[in-house]
Amino acid sequence: MIQLKNLVKDYGTLRAVDHIDFEINEGEILGFLGPNGAGKTTTLKVITCFLSPTEGNIFVEDKNVLEDSREIRKIIGYLPENNPLYSEMTVFDYLKFIAEIREITNFKSRLREVIEKCGLHGVVEKPINTLSKGYKQRVGIAQAIIHDPKILILDEPTSGLDPNQIAEIRELIIELGKEKTLIISSHILQEVQAVCDRIVIIHKGKIVADGSTEELKSNFQNKTKLVLELIAKEEEIHSLKENIEDISLLSITPKENEIQQVAIEYDSEKDKRIEIYNYIKSKDWVLLEMHREHISLEAVFRNLTIEEGEKK
């Protein structure tokens, strides 16, 4: 349904998107992940025709973004990351305004459907600036689907929401995914894992992974993550990496009573537990716990997007 072919987007001398290619199938819910500055939002803005590509092209239902942007906009609904709303308008006036821009002739029936789908009963006549962040996100999604698009693109739809609001928006996204092709950009990996059929990860403008959660995790099953709880000074713990070959020190997290939680990763071909235990014993640190963890989407994301020099 959507094809990105050799897509490049430059901002002056900065290359935000660097020759990427992938396809999105009809009815698919795609999670688009990457660290800040990876090129996610730029890619979404090119798909939605807010930006033109520097090189390459995008086709939406065989329509070319360079030549058929007006037609493409008709079949795409878009919720930008900052969710721009006219806060002095009521919800009704805002959605009516969007409907007029979209040249929707059956506004009343569409409004009823959107209010029902987005759970906006009771706030239709309220000014947008009086609504909670969760309801504002619902209004943002309502404007994105008011014209009943085939494709819905949501950029950080749960950003800034509390856990209850996140759960509500997640359920709404799942319902929308039953009838539309969805692209969701998010930093909340659990949300992406819960609702998406497939995940594409972008880093420094390049695609570094593409597949289902299980497929991505299986690619890293040759890695073992070891979690330790020990009593030692944080600055001394860094010597683990210096004295034991072929391990990565992922994190050191202070706990209560001078306990440090330490995450270590290494190739599964070599079991490093005895070597790590013996080193801890030689340093007279107190080891309280040691256990292996199954690879998570978070670990996959970290492996693909963090620079080696940034690992602790």
C-alpha atoms as a PDB file:
ATOM      1  CA  MET A   1       0.000   0.000   0.000  1.00  0.00           C
ATOM      2  CA  ILE A   2       2.942   2.335   0.779  1.00  0.00           C
ATOM      3  CA  GLN A   3       6.351   1.991  -0.868  1.00  0.00           C
ATOM      4  CA  LEU A   4       9.453   3.951   0.104  1.00  0.00           C
ATOM      5  CA  LYS A   5      12.107   3.738  -2.591  1.00  0.00           C
ATOM      6  CA  ASN A   6      15.649   4.981  -1.970  1.00  0.00           C
ATOM      7  CA  LEU A   7      14.252   7.840   0.140  1.00  0.00           C
ATOM      8  CA  VAL A   8      16.639  10.647   1.079  1.00  0.00           C
ATOM      9  CA  LYS A   9      15.811  13.853   2.943  1.00  0.00           C
ATOM     10  CA  ASP A  10      18.407  16.547   3.625  1.00  0.00           C
ATOM     11  CA  TYR A  11      18.142  19.711   5.697  1.00  0.00           C
ATOM     12  CA  GLY A  12      20.985  21.724   4.230  1.00  0.00           C
ATOM     13  CA  THR A  13      24.127  19.731   5.015  1.00  0.00           C
ATOM     14  CA  LEU A  14      22.312  17.466   7.499  1.00  0.00           C
ATOM     15  CA  ARG A  15      21.082  14.158   6.085  1.00  0.00           C
ATOM     16  CA  ALA A  16      18.042  13.178   8.155  1.00  0.00           C
ATOM     17  CA  VAL A  17      16.975  10.171   6.047  1.00  0.00           C
ATOM     18  CA  ASP A  18      19.612   8.209   4.160  1.00  0.00           C
ATOM     19  CA  HIS A  19      18.486   5.985   1.237  1.00  0.00           C
ATOM     20  CA  ILE A  20      15.800   3.921   2.964  1.00  0.00           C
ATOM     21  CA  ASP A  21      13.541   1.319   1.349  1.00  0.00           C
ATOM     22  CA  PHE A  22      10.591  -0.555   2.829  1.00  0.00           C
ATOM     23  CA  GLU A  23       6.944  -1.318   2.139  1.00  0.00           C
ATOM     24  CA  ILE A  24       3.821  -1.160   4.292  1.00  0.00           C
ATOM     25  CA  ASN A  25       1.052  -3.603   3.472  1.00  0.00           C
ATOM     26  CA  GLU A  26      -2.655  -2.841   3.500  1.00  0.00           C
ATOM     27  CA  GLY A  27      -4.235  -3.458   6.913  1.00  0.00           C
ATOM     28  CA  GLU A  28      -0.868  -3.637   8.667  1.00  0.00           C
ATOM     29  CA  ILE A  29      -0.104  -1.918  11.985  1.00  0.00           C
ATOM     30  CA  LEU A  30       3.511  -0.805  11.699  1.00  0.00           C
ATOM     31  CA  GLY A  31       5.613   0.421  14.606  1.00  0.00           C
ATOM     32  CA  PHE A  32       8.260   2.921  13.486  1.00  0.00           C
ATOM     33  CA  LEU A  33      10.989   3.168  16.127  1.00  0.00           C
ATOM     34  CA  GLY A  34      14.233   5.039  16.563  1.00  0.00           C
ATOM     35  CA  PRO A  35      16.083   7.300  19.024  1.00  0.00           C
ATOM     36  CA  ASN A  36      15.665  11.067  18.937  1.00  0.00           C
ATOM     37  CA  GLY A  37      17.006  12.494  15.690  1.00  0.00           C
ATOM     38  CA  ALA A  38      16.943   9.135  13.896  1.00  0.00           C
ATOM     39  CA  GLY A  39      14.694  10.397  11.076  1.00  0.00           C
ATOM     40  CA  LYS A  40      11.302   9.034  12.164  1.00  0.00           C
ATOM     41  CA  THR A  41       9.281  12.244  12.061  1.00  0.00           C
ATOM     42  CA  THR A  42      10.981  13.402   8.860  1.00  0.00           C
ATOM     43  CA  THR A  43      10.032  10.129   7.154  1.00  0.00           C
ATOM     44  CA  LEU A  44       6.427  10.458   8.309  1.00  0.00           C
ATOM     45  CA  LYS A  45       6.255  14.055   7.065  1.00  0.00           C
ATOM     46  CA  VAL A  46       7.430  12.968   3.625  1.00  0.00           C
ATOM     47  CA  ILE A  47       4.844  10.162   3.524  1.00  0.00           C
ATOM     48  CA  THR A  48       2.110  12.639   4.456  1.00  0.00           C
ATOM     49  CA  CYS A  49       3.336  15.144   1.824  1.00  0.00           C
ATOM     50  CA  PHE A  50       4.284  17.834   4.363  1.00  0.00           C
ATOM     51  CA  LEU A  51       7.860  17.594   3.059  1.00  0.00           C
ATOM     52  CA  SER A  52       9.262  16.707  -0.352  1.00  0.00           C
ATOM     53  CA  PRO A  53      12.025  14.107  -0.667  1.00  0.00           C
ATOM     54  CA  THR A  54      15.527  15.223  -1.619  1.00  0.00           C
ATOM     55  CA  GLU A  55      16.020  11.990  -3.538  1.00  0.00           C
ATOM     56  CA  GLY A  56      14.006   8.845  -4.123  1.00  0.00           C
ATOM     57  CA  ASN A  57      10.268   8.599  -3.934  1.00  0.00           C
ATOM     58  CA  ILE A  58       7.233   7.339  -2.038  1.00  0.00           C
ATOM     59  CA  PHE A  59       4.172   5.729  -3.582  1.00  0.00           C
ATOM     60  CA  VAL A  60       0.853   5.521  -1.748  1.00  0.00           C
ATOM     61  CA  GLU A  61      -1.641   3.267  -3.538  1.00  0.00           C
ATOM     62  CA  ASP A  62       0.551   3.704  -6.634  1.00  0.00           C
ATOM     63  CA  LYS A  63       0.269   7.500  -6.365  1.00  0.00           C
ATOM     64  CA  ASN A  64       3.512   9.466  -6.414  1.00  0.00           C
ATOM     65  CA  VAL A  65       4.101  11.957  -3.557  1.00  0.00           C
ATOM     66  CA  LEU A  66       5.888  14.251  -5.992  1.00  0.00           C
ATOM     67  CA  GLU A  67       2.988  14.401  -8.439  1.00  0.00           C
ATOM     68  CA  ASP A  68      -0.201  13.357  -6.586  1.00  0.00           C
ATOM     69  CA  SER A  69       0.195  14.908  -3.128  1.00  0.00           C
ATOM     70  CA  ARG A  70      -3.361  16.257  -3.031  1.00  0.00           C
ATOM     71  CA  GLU A  71      -4.839  12.838  -3.767  1.00  0.00           C
ATOM     72  CA  ILE A  72      -2.558  11.167  -1.236  1.00  0.00           C
ATOM     73  CA  ARG A  73      -3.577  13.629   1.501  1.00  0.00           C
ATOM     74  CA  LYS A  74      -7.194  12.561   0.985  1.00  0.00           C
ATOM     75  CA  ILE A  75      -6.488   8.984   2.018  1.00  0.00           C
ATOM     76  CA  ILE A  76      -4.119   9.721   4.922  1.00  0.00           C
ATOM     77  CA  GLY A  77      -4.993  10.869   8.432  1.00  0.00           C
ATOM     78  CA  TYR A  78      -2.127  12.338  10.453  1.00  0.00           C
ATOM     79  CA  LEU A  79      -1.597  13.096  14.139  1.00  0.00           C
ATOM     80  CA  PRO A  80       1.690  15.036  14.474  1.00  0.00           C
ATOM     81  CA  GLU A  81       3.841  14.628  17.563  1.00  0.00           C
ATOM     82  CA  ASN A  82       2.964  18.030  19.036  1.00  0.00           C
ATOM     83  CA  ASN A  83      -0.773  17.624  18.255  1.00  0.00           C
ATOM     84  CA  PRO A  84      -1.477  21.219  17.119  1.00  0.00           C
ATOM     85  CA  LEU A  85      -4.984  22.219  18.195  1.00  0.00           C
ATOM     86  CA  TYR A  86      -6.885  25.521  18.206  1.00  0.00           C
ATOM     87  CA  SER A  87      -7.259  25.604  21.962  1.00  0.00           C
ATOM     88  CA  GLU A  88      -9.815  28.455  22.048  1.00  0.00           C
ATOM     89  CA  MET A  89     -12.263  26.469  19.880  1.00  0.00           C
ATOM     90  CA  THR A  90     -14.741  23.973  21.229  1.00  0.00           C
ATOM     91  CA  VAL A  91     -14.278  20.368  20.162  1.00  0.00           C
ATOM     92  CA  PHE A  92     -17.328  20.677  17.891  1.00  0.00           C
ATOM     93  CA  ASP A  93     -16.105  23.871  16.200  1.00  0.00           C
ATOM     94  CA  TYR A  94     -12.624  22.447  15.699  1.00  0.00           C
ATOM     95  CA  LEU A  95     -13.849  19.213  14.107  1.00  0.00           C
ATOM     96  CA  LYS A  96     -16.290  21.178  11.949  1.00  0.00           C
ATOM     97  CA  PHE A  97     -13.427  23.420  10.826  1.00  0.00           C
ATOM     98  CA  ILE A  98     -11.309  20.371   9.886  1.00  0.00           C
ATOM     99  CA  ALA A  99     -14.288  18.832   8.079  1.00  0.00           C
ATOM    100  CA  GLU A 100     -14.748  21.989   6.003  1.00  0.00           C
ATOM    101  CA  ILE A 101     -11.062  21.986   5.042  1.00  0.00           C
ATOM    102  CA  ARG A 102     -11.416  18.334   4.092  1.00  0.00           C
ATOM    103  CA  GLU A 103     -14.571  19.197   2.073  1.00  0.00           C
ATOM    104  CA  ILE A 104     -16.634  16.611   3.964  1.00  0.00           C
ATOM    105  CA  THR A 105     -20.302  16.819   2.958  1.00  0.00           C
ATOM    106  CA  ASN A 106     -21.702  14.359   5.528  1.00  0.00           C
ATOM    107  CA  PHE A 107     -20.214  16.133   8.545  1.00  0.00           C
ATOM    108  CA  LYS A 108     -23.023  15.385  11.022  1.00  0.00           C
ATOM    109  CA  SER A 109     -22.939  11.637  10.473  1.00  0.00           C
ATOM    110  CA  ARG A 110     -19.140  11.581  10.489  1.00  0.00           C
ATOM    111  CA  LEU A 111     -19.075  13.653  13.685  1.00  0.00           C
ATOM    112  CA  ARG A 112     -21.363  11.141  15.412  1.00  0.00           C
ATOM    113  CA  GLU A 113     -19.156   8.258  14.310  1.00  0.00           C
ATOM    114  CA  VAL A 114     -15.934   9.990  15.364  1.00  0.00           C
ATOM    115  CA  ILE A 115     -17.309  11.053  18.754  1.00  0.00           C
ATOM    116  CA  GLU A 116     -18.400   7.486  19.407  1.00  0.00           C
ATOM    117  CA  LYS A 117     -15.134   5.947  18.243  1.00  0.00           C
ATOM    118  CA  CYS A 118     -12.882   8.394  20.097  1.00  0.00           C
ATOM    119  CA  GLY A 119     -14.948   8.550  23.294  1.00  0.00           C
ATOM    120  CA  LEU A 120     -15.625  12.294  23.136  1.00  0.00           C
ATOM    121  CA  HIS A 121     -19.117  12.222  24.633  1.00  0.00           C
ATOM    122  CA  GLY A 122     -19.528  14.974  27.197  1.00  0.00           C
ATOM    123  CA  VAL A 123     -16.744  17.226  25.895  1.00  0.00           C
ATOM    124  CA  VAL A 124     -18.035  18.163  22.428  1.00  0.00           C
ATOM    125  CA  GLU A 125     -19.119  21.636  23.528  1.00  0.00           C
ATOM    126  CA  LYS A 126     -16.130  22.281  25.784  1.00  0.00           C
ATOM    127  CA  PRO A 127     -13.201  24.521  24.782  1.00  0.00           C
ATOM    128  CA  ILE A 128     -10.171  22.423  23.910  1.00  0.00           C
ATOM    129  CA  ASN A 129      -7.985  24.321  26.398  1.00  0.00           C
ATOM    130  CA  THR A 130     -10.108  22.970  29.276  1.00  0.00           C
ATOM    131  CA  LEU A 131      -9.506  19.317  28.352  1.00  0.00           C
ATOM    132  CA  SER A 132      -7.002  16.925  29.878  1.00  0.00           C
ATOM    133  CA  LYS A 133      -3.990  15.790  27.830  1.00  0.00           C
ATOM    134  CA  GLY A 134      -5.703  12.469  27.227  1.00  0.00           C
ATOM    135  CA  TYR A 135      -8.819  14.082  25.785  1.00  0.00           C
ATOM    136  CA  LYS A 136      -6.700  16.422  23.668  1.00  0.00           C
ATOM    137  CA  GLN A 137      -5.025  13.370  22.155  1.00  0.00           C
ATOM    138  CA  ARG A 138      -8.473  11.931  21.443  1.00  0.00           C
ATOM    139  CA  VAL A 139      -9.427  15.162  19.690  1.00  0.00           C
ATOM    140  CA  GLY A 140      -6.198  14.959  17.692  1.00  0.00           C
ATOM    141  CA  ILE A 141      -7.040  11.426  16.597  1.00  0.00           C
ATOM    142  CA  ALA A 142     -10.616  12.501  15.820  1.00  0.00           C
ATOM    143  CA  GLN A 143      -9.390  15.187  13.403  1.00  0.00           C
ATOM    144  CA  ALA A 144      -7.103  12.600  11.793  1.00  0.00           C
ATOM    145  CA  ILE A 145      -9.981  10.202  11.055  1.00  0.00           C
ATOM    146  CA  ILE A 146     -12.829  12.675  10.402  1.00  0.00           C
ATOM    147  CA  HIS A 147     -12.498  12.102   6.627  1.00  0.00           C
ATOM    148  CA  ASP A 148     -12.386   8.300   7.095  1.00  0.00           C
ATOM    149  CA  PRO A 149      -8.874   7.780   5.666  1.00  0.00           C
ATOM    150  CA  LYS A 150      -7.528   4.407   4.609  1.00  0.00           C
ATOM    151  CA  ILE A 151      -4.169   5.159   6.235  1.00  0.00           C
ATOM    152  CA  LEU A 152      -3.636   6.602   9.713  1.00  0.00           C
ATOM    153  CA  ILE A 153      -0.244   7.919  10.863  1.00  0.00           C
ATOM    154  CA  LEU A 154       0.248   8.634  14.571  1.00  0.00           C
ATOM    155  CA  ASP A 155       3.484  10.289  15.722  1.00  0.00           C
ATOM    156  CA  GLU A 156       4.032   9.689  19.461  1.00  0.00           C
ATOM    157  CA  PRO A 157       0.286   9.300  20.210  1.00  0.00           C
ATOM    158  CA  THR A 158       0.812   8.507  23.930  1.00  0.00           C
ATOM    159  CA  SER A 159       3.523  11.084  24.655  1.00  0.00           C
ATOM    160  CA  GLY A 160       2.967  12.844  27.988  1.00  0.00           C
ATOM    161  CA  LEU A 161       0.000  10.711  29.031  1.00  0.00           C
ATOM    162  CA  ASP A 162      -0.443   9.019  32.408  1.00  0.00           C
ATOM    163  CA  PRO A 163      -0.749   5.193  32.574  1.00  0.00           C
ATOM    164  CA  ASN A 164      -4.564   5.239  32.511  1.00  0.00           C
ATOM    165  CA  GLN A 165      -4.641   7.567  29.508  1.00  0.00           C
ATOM    166  CA  ILE A 166      -2.026   5.436  27.726  1.00  0.00           C
ATOM    167  CA  ALA A 167      -4.198   2.341  28.220  1.00  0.00           C
ATOM    168  CA  GLU A 168      -7.239   4.178  26.828  1.00  0.00           C
ATOM    169  CA  ILE A 169      -5.376   5.449  23.739  1.00  0.00           C
ATOM    170  CA  ARG A 170      -3.898   1.968  23.225  1.00  0.00           C
ATOM    171  CA  GLU A 171      -7.379   0.441  23.107  1.00  0.00           C
ATOM    172  CA  LEU A 172      -8.473   3.128  20.648  1.00  0.00           C
ATOM    173  CA  ILE A 173      -5.465   2.416  18.414  1.00  0.00           C
ATOM    174  CA  ILE A 174      -6.228  -1.319  18.460  1.00  0.00           C
ATOM    175  CA  GLU A 175      -9.828  -0.625  17.383  1.00  0.00           C
ATOM    176  CA  LEU A 176      -8.686   1.706  14.593  1.00  0.00           C
ATOM    177  CA  GLY A 177      -6.209  -0.908  13.437  1.00  0.00           C
ATOM    178  CA  LYS A 178      -9.053  -3.301  12.658  1.00  0.00           C
ATOM    179  CA  GLU A 179     -10.170  -1.131   9.745  1.00  0.00           C
ATOM    180  CA  LYS A 180      -7.173   1.003   8.710  1.00  0.00           C
ATOM    181  CA  THR A 181      -3.512   0.723   7.824  1.00  0.00           C
ATOM    182  CA  LEU A 182      -1.633   2.264  10.765  1.00  0.00           C
ATOM    183  CA  ILE A 183       1.869   3.656  11.189  1.00  0.00           C
ATOM    184  CA  ILE A 184       2.770   4.434  14.796  1.00  0.00           C
ATOM    185  CA  SER A 185       5.931   6.207  15.881  1.00  0.00           C
ATOM    186  CA  SER A 186       6.610   5.874  19.602  1.00  0.00           C
ATOM    187  CA  HIS A 187       9.342   5.828  22.247  1.00  0.00           C
ATOM    188  CA  ILE A 188       7.243   3.536  24.454  1.00  0.00           C
ATOM    189  CA  LEU A 189       8.405   0.107  23.339  1.00  0.00           C
ATOM    190  CA  GLN A 190       5.779  -1.753  25.369  1.00  0.00           C
ATOM    191  CA  GLU A 191       3.045   0.105  23.510  1.00  0.00           C
ATOM    192  CA  VAL A 192       4.520  -0.750  20.128  1.00  0.00           C
ATOM    193  CA  GLN A 193       4.916  -4.385  21.132  1.00  0.00           C
ATOM    194  CA  ALA A 194       1.309  -4.508  22.351  1.00  0.00           C
ATOM    195  CA  VAL A 195      -0.381  -3.137  19.228  1.00  0.00           C
ATOM    196  CA  CYS A 196       1.915  -3.546  16.198  1.00  0.00           C
ATOM    197  CA  ASP A 197       2.138  -6.404  13.707  1.00  0.00           C
ATOM    198  CA  ARG A 198       5.576  -5.357  12.497  1.00  0.00           C
ATOM    199  CA  ILE A 199       8.392  -3.063  13.604  1.00  0.00           C
ATOM    200  CA  VAL A 200      10.852  -1.005  11.576  1.00  0.00           C
ATOM    201  CA  ILE A 201      13.782   0.540  13.451  1.00  0.00           C
ATOM    202  CA  ILE A 202      15.643   3.539  12.021  1.00  0.00           C
ATOM    203  CA  HIS A 203      18.980   4.845  13.294  1.00  0.00           C
ATOM    204  CA  LYS A 204      20.955   7.787  11.915  1.00  0.00           C
ATOM    205  CA  GLY A 205      18.623   7.925   8.933  1.00  0.00           C
ATOM    206  CA  LYS A 206      19.072   4.262   7.972  1.00  0.00           C
ATOM    207  CA  ILE A 207      16.831   1.223   8.483  1.00  0.00           C
ATOM    208  CA  VAL A 208      18.603  -1.165  10.871  1.00  0.00           C
ATOM    209  CA  ALA A 209      15.811  -3.712  11.480  1.00  0.00           C
ATOM    210  CA  ASP A 210      12.501  -4.771   9.968  1.00  0.00           C
ATOM    211  CA  GLY A 211      10.254  -7.587  11.195  1.00  0.00           C
ATOM    212  CA  SER A 212       7.814  -8.766  13.836  1.00  0.00           C
ATOM    213  CA  THR A 213       8.754  -8.470  17.517  1.00  0.00           C
ATOM    214  CA  GLU A 214       9.553 -12.180  17.664  1.00  0.00           C
ATOM    215  CA  GLU A 215      11.629 -12.020  14.482  1.00  0.00           C
ATOM    216  CA  LEU A 216      13.677  -9.114  15.805  1.00  0.00           C
ATOM    217  CA  LYS A 217      14.197 -10.809  19.149  1.00  0.00           C
ATOM    218  CA  SER A 218      15.197 -14.092  17.508  1.00  0.00           C
ATOM    219  CA  ASN A 219      17.975 -12.285  15.649  1.00  0.00           C
ATOM    220  CA  PHE A 220      19.545 -11.498  19.031  1.00  0.00           C
ATOM    221  CA  GLN A 221      18.990 -14.841  20.754  1.00  0.00           C
ATOM    222  CA  ASN A 222      22.731 -15.450  20.543  1.00  0.00           C
ATOM    223  CA  LYS A 223      23.118 -12.768  23.232  1.00  0.00           C
ATOM    224  CA  THR A 224      22.813 -13.423  26.960  1.00  0.00           C
ATOM    225  CA  LYS A 225      21.758 -10.689  29.352  1.00  0.00           C
ATOM    226  CA  LEU A 226      22.942 -11.253  32.907  1.00  0.00           C
ATOM    227  CA  VAL A 227      21.529  -9.205  35.800  1.00  0.00           C
ATOM    228  CA  LEU A 228      23.462  -8.948  39.053  1.00  0.00           C
ATOM    229  CA  GLU A 229      22.652  -7.413  42.413  1.00  0.00           C
ATOM    230  CA  LEU A 230      25.757  -6.702  44.444  1.00  0.00           C
ATOM    231  CA  ILE A 231      27.214  -4.420  47.055  1.00  0.00           C
ATOM    232  CA  ALA A 232      30.122  -2.489  45.566  1.00  0.00           C
ATOM    233  CA  LYS A 233      31.094   1.040  44.658  1.00  0.00           C
ATOM    234  CA  GLU A 234      29.715   2.092  41.279  1.00  0.00           C
ATOM    235  CA  GLU A 235      33.039   3.414  39.999  1.00  0.00           C
ATOM    236  CA  GLU A 236      34.672   0.053  40.772  1.00  0.00           C
ATOM    237  CA  ILE A 237      32.040  -1.957  38.910  1.00  0.00           C
ATOM    238  CA  HIS A 238      33.212  -0.527  35.586  1.00  0.00           C
ATOM    239  CA  SER A 239      36.361  -2.647  36.003  1.00  0.00           C
ATOM    240  CA  LEU A 240      34.262  -5.696  35.065  1.00  0.00           C
ATOM    241  CA  LYS A 241      34.357  -4.704  31.416  1.00  0.00           C
ATOM    242  CA  GLU A 242      38.071  -3.948  31.573  1.00  0.00           C
ATOM    243  CA  ASN A 243      39.017  -7.301  33.115  1.00  0.00           C
ATOM    244  CA  ILE A 244      36.578  -9.740  31.503  1.00  0.00           C
ATOM    245  CA  GLU A 245      36.799 -10.080  27.748  1.00  0.00           C
ATOM    246  CA  ASP A 246      33.864  -9.793  25.352  1.00  0.00           C
ATOM    247  CA  ILE A 247      31.226  -8.441  27.731  1.00  0.00           C
ATOM    248  CA  SER A 248      29.201  -5.242  27.500  1.00  0.00           C
ATOM    249  CA  LEU A 249      28.250  -3.374  30.652  1.00  0.00           C
ATOM    250  CA  LEU A 250      24.717  -2.195  29.803  1.00  0.00           C
ATOM    251  CA  SER A 251      23.756  -0.354  32.973  1.00  0.00           C
ATOM    252  CA  ILE A 252      24.444   0.210  36.669  1.00  0.00           C
ATOM    253  CA  THR A 253      21.381   1.159  38.713  1.00  0.00           C
ATOM    254  CA  PRO A 254      21.670   2.123  42.410  1.00  0.00           C
ATOM    255  CA  LYS A 255      19.169   0.356  44.682  1.00  0.00           C
ATOM    256  CA  GLU A 256      18.493   0.638  48.409  1.00  0.00           C
ATOM    257  CA  ASN A 257      21.120  -0.121  51.086  1.00  0.00           C
ATOM    258  CA  GLU A 258      24.123   0.492  48.786  1.00  0.00           C
ATOM    259  CA  ILE A 259      23.022  -2.308  46.448  1.00  0.00           C
ATOM    260  CA  GLN A 260      23.826  -1.878  42.755  1.00  0.00           C
ATOM    261  CA  GLN A 261      21.851  -3.621  39.994  1.00  0.00           C
ATOM    262  CA  VAL A 262      24.186  -4.366  37.092  1.00  0.00           C
ATOM    263  CA  ALA A 263      23.158  -5.512  33.587  1.00  0.00           C
ATOM    264  CA  ILE A 264      25.783  -7.318  31.497  1.00  0.00           C
ATOM    265  CA  GLU A 265      25.543  -8.747  27.976  1.00  0.00           C
ATOM    266  CA  TYR A 266      27.737 -11.242  26.125  1.00  0.00           C
ATOM    267  CA  ASP A 267      27.609 -13.830  23.333  1.00  0.00           C
ATOM    268  CA  SER A 268      25.682 -16.923  24.384  1.00  0.00           C
ATOM    269  CA  GLU A 269      28.340 -19.183  22.888  1.00  0.00           C
ATOM    270  CA  LYS A 270      30.523 -18.572  25.955  1.00  0.00           C
ATOM    271  CA  ASP A 271      29.022 -18.765  29.439  1.00  0.00           C
ATOM    272  CA  LYS A 272      30.667 -15.946  31.377  1.00  0.00           C
ATOM    273  CA  ARG A 273      28.951 -16.564  34.726  1.00  0.00           C
ATOM    274  CA  ILE A 274      31.787 -18.441  36.440  1.00  0.00           C
ATOM    275  CA  GLU A 275      34.340 -15.887  35.241  1.00  0.00           C
ATOM    276  CA  ILE A 276      32.151 -13.001  36.448  1.00  0.00           C
ATOM    277  CA  TYR A 277      31.540 -14.735  39.800  1.00  0.00           C
ATOM    278  CA  ASN A 278      35.245 -15.362  40.351  1.00  0.00           C
ATOM    279  CA  TYR A 279      36.101 -11.740  39.551  1.00  0.00           C
ATOM    280  CA  ILE A 280      33.459 -10.457  41.989  1.00  0.00           C
ATOM    281  CA  LYS A 281      34.842 -12.814  44.649  1.00  0.00           C
ATOM    282  CA  SER A 282      38.386 -11.579  44.025  1.00  0.00           C
ATOM    283  CA  LYS A 283      37.225  -7.970  44.575  1.00  0.00           C
ATOM    284  CA  ASP A 284      35.479  -8.879  47.872  1.00  0.00           C
ATOM    285  CA  TRP A 285      32.177  -7.528  46.579  1.00  0.00           C
ATOM    286  CA  VAL A 286      28.988  -8.985  48.051  1.00  0.00           C
ATOM    287  CA  LEU A 287      26.970 -10.822  45.381  1.00  0.00           C
ATOM    288  CA  LEU A 288      23.290 -11.022  46.340  1.00  0.00           C
ATOM    289  CA  GLU A 289      21.776 -12.291  43.100  1.00  0.00           C
ATOM    290  CA  MET A 290      22.674 -13.379  39.578  1.00  0.00           C
ATOM    291  CA  HIS A 291      20.130 -14.361  36.899  1.00  0.00           C
ATOM    292  CA  ARG A 292      19.786 -14.469  33.133  1.00  0.00           C
ATOM    293  CA  GLU A 293      17.027 -12.529  31.367  1.00  0.00           C
ATOM    294  CA  HIS A 294      15.332 -13.339  28.077  1.00  0.00           C
ATOM    295  CA  ILE A 295      16.047 -10.821  25.332  1.00  0.00           C
ATOM    296  CA  SER A 296      13.467  -8.013  25.201  1.00  0.00           C
ATOM    297  CA  LEU A 297      12.438  -5.566  22.502  1.00  0.00           C
ATOM    298  CA  GLU A 298      14.173  -2.904  24.598  1.00  0.00           C
ATOM    299  CA  ALA A 299      17.425  -4.875  24.464  1.00  0.00           C
ATOM    300  CA  VAL A 300      17.097  -5.306  20.697  1.00  0.00           C
ATOM    301  CA  PHE A 301      16.460  -1.569  20.303  1.00  0.00           C
ATOM    302  CA  ARG A 302      19.470  -0.734  22.441  1.00  0.00           C
ATOM    303  CA  ASN A 303      21.738  -3.118  20.547  1.00  0.00           C
ATOM    304  CA  LEU A 304      20.752  -1.567  17.240  1.00  0.00           C
ATOM    305  CA  THR A 305      20.788   2.108  18.145  1.00  0.00           C
ATOM    306  CA  ILE A 306      23.350   2.765  20.865  1.00  0.00           C
ATOM    307  CA  GLU A 307      26.960   3.440  20.002  1.00  0.00           C
ATOM    308  CA  GLU A 308      29.537   1.116  21.522  1.00  0.00           C
ATOM    309  CA  GLY A 309      31.290   4.033  23.178  1.00  0.00           C
ATOM    310  CA  GLU A 310      28.070   5.096  24.895  1.00  0.00           C
ATOM    311  CA  LYS A 311      27.660   1.780  26.729  1.00  0.00           C
ATOM    312  CA  LYS A 312      28.752   1.938  30.315  1.00  0.00           C
END
